[in-house]
Amino acid sequence: MTVISELTEPSSTALESINHLLPQLSSKASLITMERLSELVGSGSTMIFICTNEEAKIVGMLSLVIMKIPTGNKAWVEDVVVDQNARGQGLGKALMDHALEEAGKLGVKTIDLTSRPSRENANRLYQSLGYQIRETNVYRCSVS
């Protein structure tokens, strides 16, 4: 049985698991430190949801960032990843459903996310959950 929950306490086990998942998300992902994990867990705007298996091992994660802005509460989903050995079991969908439910409780009007076209399974999942491709320009500026 898998369980989806919010990571509310940093631990060495959680840090090790997250650092195992991040390279599976992107080859460019940097590993995080305990200090960074503590900062994220203590953030008032970032929620990290984890998926644990029957052995209580973290096999998936998702970051939900809540933004309170003048036009209403919005959210952004980032870092959705399921361990390569646990894929195909509906865990990504369970994480996404949980994030949607929690965002709704916080009065969020919309949730946005981006996904590389090469992540075909992830893109199919997002579209199956009702996420729609927006006709918009996405800009990025590096901050030195």
N, C-alpha and C. Protein backbone atom coordinates (compact mmCIF):
# COMPACT_ATOMS: atom_id res chain seq x y z
N MET A 1 0.85 -1.19 0.00
CA MET A 1 0.00 0.00 0.00
C MET A 1 0.88 1.25 0.00
N THR A 2 0.59 2.16 -0.90
CA THR A 2 1.36 3.41 -0.95
C THR A 2 0.60 4.50 -0.22
N VAL A 3 1.36 5.43 0.32
CA VAL A 3 0.80 6.55 1.07
C VAL A 3 1.39 7.83 0.52
N ILE A 4 0.54 8.83 0.29
CA ILE A 4 0.98 10.16 -0.12
C ILE A 4 0.83 11.06 1.10
N SER A 5 1.90 11.79 1.42
CA SER A 5 1.85 12.69 2.57
C SER A 5 2.78 13.87 2.32
N GLU A 6 2.60 14.90 3.12
CA GLU A 6 3.50 16.05 3.04
C GLU A 6 4.71 15.78 3.91
N LEU A 7 5.87 16.08 3.39
CA LEU A 7 7.10 15.98 4.17
C LEU A 7 7.14 17.18 5.10
N THR A 8 7.02 16.95 6.39
CA THR A 8 6.96 18.06 7.35
C THR A 8 8.18 18.14 8.25
N GLU A 9 9.01 17.11 8.24
CA GLU A 9 10.22 17.08 9.06
C GLU A 9 11.38 16.61 8.21
N PRO A 10 12.45 17.39 8.14
CA PRO A 10 13.61 16.92 7.39
C PRO A 10 14.27 15.76 8.14
N SER A 11 14.78 14.79 7.41
CA SER A 11 15.49 13.67 8.01
C SER A 11 16.56 13.19 7.03
N SER A 12 17.53 12.48 7.55
CA SER A 12 18.58 11.97 6.68
C SER A 12 18.01 10.94 5.70
N THR A 13 17.01 10.18 6.13
CA THR A 13 16.37 9.21 5.24
C THR A 13 15.66 9.91 4.09
N ALA A 14 14.91 10.97 4.41
CA ALA A 14 14.21 11.73 3.37
C ALA A 14 15.23 12.38 2.42
N LEU A 15 16.29 12.93 2.98
CA LEU A 15 17.32 13.57 2.15
C LEU A 15 17.94 12.56 1.19
N GLU A 16 18.28 11.40 1.69
CA GLU A 16 18.87 10.35 0.85
C GLU A 16 17.90 9.93 -0.26
N SER A 17 16.64 9.77 0.08
CA SER A 17 15.64 9.36 -0.91
C SER A 17 15.44 10.42 -1.97
N ILE A 18 15.33 11.67 -1.56
CA ILE A 18 15.14 12.77 -2.51
C ILE A 18 16.35 12.87 -3.43
N ASN A 19 17.54 12.74 -2.86
CA ASN A 19 18.75 12.81 -3.68
C ASN A 19 18.89 11.60 -4.60
N HIS A 20 18.21 10.52 -4.29
CA HIS A 20 18.16 9.37 -5.20
C HIS A 20 17.19 9.65 -6.36
N LEU A 21 16.11 10.38 -6.08
CA LEU A 21 15.10 10.67 -7.09
C LEU A 21 15.49 11.80 -8.05
N LEU A 22 16.16 12.82 -7.55
CA LEU A 22 16.44 14.01 -8.37
C LEU A 22 17.17 13.71 -9.68
N PRO A 23 18.21 12.87 -9.69
CA PRO A 23 18.86 12.57 -10.98
C PRO A 23 17.95 11.83 -11.96
N GLN A 24 16.92 11.16 -11.45
CA GLN A 24 15.96 10.49 -12.33
C GLN A 24 15.01 11.49 -12.97
N LEU A 25 14.91 12.66 -12.36
CA LEU A 25 14.08 13.73 -12.90
C LEU A 25 14.82 14.45 -14.02
N SER A 26 16.09 14.75 -13.77
CA SER A 26 16.89 15.49 -14.74
C SER A 26 18.37 15.23 -14.48
N SER A 27 19.10 15.03 -15.54
CA SER A 27 20.55 14.83 -15.40
C SER A 27 21.23 16.10 -14.92
N LYS A 28 20.55 17.23 -15.02
CA LYS A 28 21.11 18.50 -14.58
C LYS A 28 20.74 18.85 -13.14
N ALA A 29 19.90 18.03 -12.51
CA ALA A 29 19.45 18.31 -11.14
C ALA A 29 20.61 18.16 -10.17
N SER A 30 20.76 19.13 -9.31
CA SER A 30 21.79 19.07 -8.28
C SER A 30 21.22 18.42 -7.03
N LEU A 31 22.05 17.67 -6.34
CA LEU A 31 21.62 17.09 -5.07
C LEU A 31 21.47 18.20 -4.06
N ILE A 32 20.59 18.00 -3.08
CA ILE A 32 20.36 19.03 -2.08
C ILE A 32 21.02 18.64 -0.76
N THR A 33 21.20 19.62 0.09
CA THR A 33 21.79 19.41 1.41
C THR A 33 20.68 19.34 2.45
N MET A 34 21.04 18.93 3.64
CA MET A 34 20.07 18.92 4.74
C MET A 34 19.60 20.34 5.03
N GLU A 35 20.48 21.30 4.91
CA GLU A 35 20.11 22.70 5.12
C GLU A 35 19.02 23.12 4.11
N ARG A 36 19.19 22.73 2.86
CA ARG A 36 18.21 23.08 1.83
C ARG A 36 16.88 22.35 2.08
N LEU A 37 16.96 21.08 2.45
CA LEU A 37 15.74 20.33 2.74
C LEU A 37 14.99 20.96 3.91
N SER A 38 15.70 21.38 4.94
CA SER A 38 15.08 22.04 6.09
C SER A 38 14.42 23.34 5.66
N GLU A 39 15.07 24.08 4.79
CA GLU A 39 14.53 25.34 4.28
C GLU A 39 13.23 25.09 3.51
N LEU A 40 13.23 24.07 2.67
CA LEU A 40 12.03 23.75 1.89
C LEU A 40 10.88 23.31 2.78
N VAL A 41 11.17 22.41 3.72
CA VAL A 41 10.13 21.89 4.61
C VAL A 41 9.56 23.00 5.49
N GLY A 42 10.40 23.98 5.85
CA GLY A 42 9.94 25.07 6.69
C GLY A 42 9.34 26.23 5.93
N SER A 43 9.32 26.15 4.63
CA SER A 43 8.81 27.24 3.80
C SER A 43 7.30 27.38 3.95
N GLY A 44 6.83 28.59 3.93
CA GLY A 44 5.40 28.83 3.98
C GLY A 44 4.74 28.72 2.62
N SER A 45 5.54 28.56 1.56
CA SER A 45 4.96 28.52 0.23
C SER A 45 5.23 27.23 -0.53
N THR A 46 6.15 26.41 -0.05
CA THR A 46 6.49 25.17 -0.74
C THR A 46 6.05 23.97 0.08
N MET A 47 5.36 23.06 -0.60
CA MET A 47 4.96 21.81 0.04
C MET A 47 5.60 20.68 -0.76
N ILE A 48 6.26 19.78 -0.08
CA ILE A 48 6.84 18.61 -0.73
C ILE A 48 6.00 17.41 -0.35
N PHE A 49 5.39 16.79 -1.36
CA PHE A 49 4.60 15.60 -1.14
C PHE A 49 5.45 14.39 -1.53
N ILE A 50 5.41 13.39 -0.67
CA ILE A 50 6.17 12.18 -0.93
C ILE A 50 5.23 10.99 -1.02
N CYS A 51 5.65 10.03 -1.78
CA CYS A 51 4.92 8.78 -1.93
C CYS A 51 5.80 7.69 -1.32
N THR A 52 5.25 6.99 -0.33
CA THR A 52 6.00 5.92 0.30
C THR A 52 5.33 4.58 -0.01
N ASN A 53 6.16 3.55 -0.15
CA ASN A 53 5.64 2.22 -0.43
C ASN A 53 5.38 1.46 0.87
N GLU A 54 5.06 0.17 0.74
CA GLU A 54 4.71 -0.62 1.92
C GLU A 54 5.86 -0.76 2.92
N GLU A 55 7.10 -0.58 2.45
CA GLU A 55 8.26 -0.63 3.36
C GLU A 55 8.60 0.75 3.92
N ALA A 56 7.72 1.73 3.69
CA ALA A 56 7.90 3.12 4.12
C ALA A 56 9.09 3.79 3.43
N LYS A 57 9.45 3.29 2.25
CA LYS A 57 10.52 3.89 1.46
C LYS A 57 9.91 4.93 0.52
N ILE A 58 10.55 6.08 0.42
CA ILE A 58 10.08 7.14 -0.48
C ILE A 58 10.38 6.71 -1.91
N VAL A 59 9.32 6.60 -2.72
CA VAL A 59 9.47 6.17 -4.11
C VAL A 59 8.98 7.22 -5.11
N GLY A 60 8.55 8.37 -4.61
CA GLY A 60 8.11 9.44 -5.49
C GLY A 60 7.97 10.74 -4.73
N MET A 61 8.00 11.84 -5.48
CA MET A 61 7.84 13.15 -4.85
C MET A 61 7.28 14.16 -5.84
N LEU A 62 6.79 15.24 -5.27
CA LEU A 62 6.24 16.35 -6.04
C LEU A 62 6.36 17.59 -5.18
N SER A 63 6.73 18.70 -5.80
CA SER A 63 6.76 19.99 -5.09
C SER A 63 5.60 20.84 -5.56
N LEU A 64 4.85 21.39 -4.61
CA LEU A 64 3.73 22.29 -4.91
C LEU A 64 4.06 23.63 -4.29
N VAL A 65 4.15 24.65 -5.13
CA VAL A 65 4.47 26.00 -4.68
C VAL A 65 3.21 26.84 -4.77
N ILE A 66 2.82 27.43 -3.66
CA ILE A 66 1.62 28.26 -3.59
C ILE A 66 2.04 29.73 -3.66
N MET A 67 1.41 30.46 -4.55
CA MET A 67 1.70 31.89 -4.71
C MET A 67 0.44 32.70 -4.40
N LYS A 68 0.56 33.56 -3.42
CA LYS A 68 -0.55 34.46 -3.08
C LYS A 68 -0.24 35.80 -3.75
N ILE A 69 -1.03 36.11 -4.78
CA ILE A 69 -0.81 37.32 -5.55
C ILE A 69 -2.13 38.09 -5.63
N PRO A 70 -2.09 39.36 -6.04
CA PRO A 70 -3.31 40.16 -6.06
C PRO A 70 -4.47 39.54 -6.84
N THR A 71 -4.18 38.76 -7.87
CA THR A 71 -5.26 38.20 -8.68
C THR A 71 -5.77 36.87 -8.15
N GLY A 72 -5.27 36.43 -6.99
CA GLY A 72 -5.76 35.20 -6.38
C GLY A 72 -4.63 34.22 -6.10
N ASN A 73 -4.96 33.17 -5.42
CA ASN A 73 -3.96 32.15 -5.11
C ASN A 73 -3.75 31.24 -6.32
N LYS A 74 -2.50 31.07 -6.68
CA LYS A 74 -2.14 30.20 -7.79
C LYS A 74 -1.09 29.23 -7.30
N ALA A 75 -0.88 28.19 -8.07
CA ALA A 75 0.11 27.19 -7.67
C ALA A 75 0.93 26.74 -8.86
N TRP A 76 2.09 26.21 -8.55
CA TRP A 76 2.99 25.69 -9.57
C TRP A 76 3.46 24.32 -9.09
N VAL A 77 3.40 23.34 -9.96
CA VAL A 77 3.90 22.00 -9.66
C VAL A 77 5.28 21.86 -10.28
N GLU A 78 6.20 21.35 -9.50
CA GLU A 78 7.57 21.12 -9.95
C GLU A 78 8.05 19.78 -9.44
N ASP A 79 9.13 19.31 -10.01
CA ASP A 79 9.88 18.15 -9.50
C ASP A 79 9.01 16.91 -9.27
N VAL A 80 8.17 16.60 -10.23
CA VAL A 80 7.37 15.37 -10.14
C VAL A 80 8.24 14.22 -10.63
N VAL A 81 8.49 13.28 -9.75
CA VAL A 81 9.33 12.14 -10.14
C VAL A 81 8.94 10.92 -9.33
N VAL A 82 8.89 9.79 -10.02
CA VAL A 82 8.65 8.49 -9.39
C VAL A 82 9.88 7.63 -9.69
N ASP A 83 10.35 6.91 -8.70
CA ASP A 83 11.51 6.05 -8.87
C ASP A 83 11.30 5.12 -10.06
N GLN A 84 12.35 4.97 -10.85
CA GLN A 84 12.24 4.16 -12.08
C GLN A 84 11.77 2.74 -11.80
N ASN A 85 12.03 2.21 -10.62
CA ASN A 85 11.59 0.85 -10.28
C ASN A 85 10.14 0.78 -9.81
N ALA A 86 9.50 1.94 -9.66
CA ALA A 86 8.12 1.96 -9.17
C ALA A 86 7.16 2.58 -10.18
N ARG A 87 7.65 2.85 -11.37
CA ARG A 87 6.80 3.48 -12.39
C ARG A 87 5.77 2.51 -12.92
N GLY A 88 4.68 3.07 -13.46
CA GLY A 88 3.64 2.26 -14.06
C GLY A 88 2.63 1.73 -13.05
N GLN A 89 2.69 2.23 -11.82
CA GLN A 89 1.78 1.77 -10.76
C GLN A 89 0.76 2.84 -10.37
N GLY A 90 0.75 3.96 -11.10
CA GLY A 90 -0.20 5.02 -10.79
C GLY A 90 0.27 5.99 -9.71
N LEU A 91 1.54 5.93 -9.34
CA LEU A 91 2.03 6.80 -8.27
C LEU A 91 2.12 8.26 -8.69
N GLY A 92 2.50 8.51 -9.93
CA GLY A 92 2.53 9.88 -10.43
C GLY A 92 1.14 10.50 -10.39
N LYS A 93 0.14 9.73 -10.82
CA LYS A 93 -1.24 10.20 -10.77
C LYS A 93 -1.67 10.45 -9.33
N ALA A 94 -1.31 9.56 -8.42
CA ALA A 94 -1.67 9.74 -7.01
C ALA A 94 -1.04 11.01 -6.44
N LEU A 95 0.20 11.27 -6.78
CA LEU A 95 0.86 12.50 -6.32
C LEU A 95 0.16 13.73 -6.89
N MET A 96 -0.16 13.69 -8.18
CA MET A 96 -0.82 14.83 -8.83
C MET A 96 -2.22 15.06 -8.24
N ASP A 97 -2.96 13.99 -8.03
CA ASP A 97 -4.30 14.11 -7.44
C ASP A 97 -4.22 14.72 -6.04
N HIS A 98 -3.23 14.29 -5.27
CA HIS A 98 -3.06 14.80 -3.91
C HIS A 98 -2.74 16.29 -3.94
N ALA A 99 -1.86 16.68 -4.84
CA ALA A 99 -1.50 18.10 -4.96
C ALA A 99 -2.71 18.94 -5.34
N LEU A 100 -3.52 18.44 -6.25
CA LEU A 100 -4.73 19.16 -6.67
C LEU A 100 -5.69 19.33 -5.49
N GLU A 101 -5.86 18.28 -4.72
CA GLU A 101 -6.75 18.34 -3.57
C GLU A 101 -6.24 19.35 -2.53
N GLU A 102 -4.96 19.30 -2.24
CA GLU A 102 -4.39 20.22 -1.25
C GLU A 102 -4.45 21.67 -1.74
N ALA A 103 -4.19 21.88 -3.02
CA ALA A 103 -4.26 23.24 -3.58
C ALA A 103 -5.67 23.78 -3.47
N GLY A 104 -6.65 22.93 -3.73
CA GLY A 104 -8.05 23.35 -3.60
C GLY A 104 -8.39 23.79 -2.19
N LYS A 105 -7.86 23.09 -1.20
CA LYS A 105 -8.11 23.46 0.19
C LYS A 105 -7.52 24.83 0.52
N LEU A 106 -6.49 25.25 -0.24
CA LEU A 106 -5.83 26.53 0.01
C LEU A 106 -6.39 27.64 -0.87
N GLY A 107 -7.48 27.38 -1.56
CA GLY A 107 -8.13 28.42 -2.37
C GLY A 107 -7.42 28.73 -3.67
N VAL A 108 -6.65 27.79 -4.16
CA VAL A 108 -5.92 28.00 -5.41
C VAL A 108 -6.90 27.96 -6.58
N LYS A 109 -6.73 28.92 -7.50
CA LYS A 109 -7.59 28.98 -8.68
C LYS A 109 -7.04 28.14 -9.83
N THR A 110 -5.74 28.18 -10.03
CA THR A 110 -5.13 27.42 -11.12
C THR A 110 -3.79 26.85 -10.67
N ILE A 111 -3.43 25.74 -11.32
CA ILE A 111 -2.12 25.13 -11.11
C ILE A 111 -1.44 25.06 -12.47
N ASP A 112 -0.21 25.53 -12.51
CA ASP A 112 0.58 25.46 -13.74
C ASP A 112 1.74 24.51 -13.55
N LEU A 113 2.24 24.01 -14.66
CA LEU A 113 3.45 23.19 -14.65
C LEU A 113 4.04 23.22 -16.04
N THR A 114 5.28 22.85 -16.14
CA THR A 114 5.91 22.66 -17.44
C THR A 114 6.48 21.26 -17.47
N SER A 115 6.63 20.73 -18.66
CA SER A 115 7.19 19.40 -18.83
C SER A 115 7.88 19.34 -20.19
N ARG A 116 9.09 18.85 -20.19
CA ARG A 116 9.81 18.71 -21.46
C ARG A 116 9.05 17.76 -22.38
N PRO A 117 9.03 18.05 -23.67
CA PRO A 117 8.35 17.15 -24.62
C PRO A 117 8.91 15.73 -24.59
N SER A 118 10.17 15.57 -24.24
CA SER A 118 10.77 14.23 -24.21
C SER A 118 10.19 13.36 -23.09
N ARG A 119 9.54 13.96 -22.11
CA ARG A 119 8.92 13.20 -21.02
C ARG A 119 7.50 12.82 -21.46
N GLU A 120 7.44 11.94 -22.44
CA GLU A 120 6.16 11.60 -23.08
C GLU A 120 5.14 11.03 -22.10
N ASN A 121 5.55 10.11 -21.23
CA ASN A 121 4.60 9.53 -20.27
C ASN A 121 4.07 10.59 -19.31
N ALA A 122 4.94 11.47 -18.85
CA ALA A 122 4.52 12.53 -17.95
C ALA A 122 3.52 13.46 -18.64
N ASN A 123 3.79 13.81 -19.89
CA ASN A 123 2.89 14.68 -20.62
C ASN A 123 1.52 14.03 -20.84
N ARG A 124 1.52 12.74 -21.11
CA ARG A 124 0.24 12.03 -21.25
C ARG A 124 -0.52 12.05 -19.93
N LEU A 125 0.20 11.84 -18.84
CA LEU A 125 -0.44 11.87 -17.52
C LEU A 125 -1.08 13.22 -17.26
N TYR A 126 -0.33 14.29 -17.45
CA TYR A 126 -0.86 15.63 -17.16
C TYR A 126 -2.10 15.92 -18.01
N GLN A 127 -2.05 15.56 -19.28
CA GLN A 127 -3.21 15.79 -20.14
C GLN A 127 -4.40 14.93 -19.72
N SER A 128 -4.14 13.71 -19.27
CA SER A 128 -5.24 12.85 -18.82
C SER A 128 -5.90 13.38 -17.55
N LEU A 129 -5.16 14.20 -16.80
CA LEU A 129 -5.69 14.78 -15.56
C LEU A 129 -6.37 16.13 -15.79
N GLY A 130 -6.43 16.56 -17.04
CA GLY A 130 -7.13 17.81 -17.37
C GLY A 130 -6.23 19.01 -17.56
N TYR A 131 -4.93 18.84 -17.45
CA TYR A 131 -4.02 19.96 -17.72
C TYR A 131 -3.98 20.19 -19.22
N GLN A 132 -4.03 21.46 -19.60
CA GLN A 132 -4.08 21.81 -21.01
C GLN A 132 -2.86 22.63 -21.39
N ILE A 133 -2.38 22.39 -22.59
CA ILE A 133 -1.26 23.18 -23.09
C ILE A 133 -1.75 24.60 -23.32
N ARG A 134 -1.03 25.54 -22.76
CA ARG A 134 -1.42 26.95 -22.89
C ARG A 134 -0.68 27.59 -24.05
N GLU A 135 -1.37 28.49 -24.71
CA GLU A 135 -0.73 29.27 -25.76
C GLU A 135 -0.16 30.51 -25.11
N THR A 136 1.07 30.37 -24.67
CA THR A 136 1.73 31.46 -23.98
C THR A 136 3.21 31.37 -24.23
N ASN A 137 3.91 32.41 -24.00
CA ASN A 137 5.36 32.39 -24.08
C ASN A 137 5.91 32.18 -22.69
N VAL A 138 6.85 31.28 -22.56
CA VAL A 138 7.52 31.07 -21.28
C VAL A 138 8.89 31.70 -21.40
N TYR A 139 9.20 32.60 -20.49
CA TYR A 139 10.47 33.30 -20.51
C TYR A 139 11.29 32.90 -19.31
N ARG A 140 12.58 32.91 -19.45
CA ARG A 140 13.47 32.62 -18.34
C ARG A 140 14.64 33.57 -18.41
N CYS A 141 14.99 34.10 -17.28
CA CYS A 141 16.13 34.99 -17.16
C CYS A 141 17.02 34.43 -16.06
N SER A 142 18.28 34.22 -16.36
CA SER A 142 19.21 33.72 -15.35
C SER A 142 19.62 34.86 -14.43
N VAL A 143 19.63 34.57 -13.16
CA VAL A 143 20.04 35.53 -12.15
C VAL A 143 21.44 35.12 -11.70
N SER A 144 22.39 36.04 -11.85
CA SER A 144 23.76 35.63 -11.49
C SER A 144 24.05 35.75 -10.03
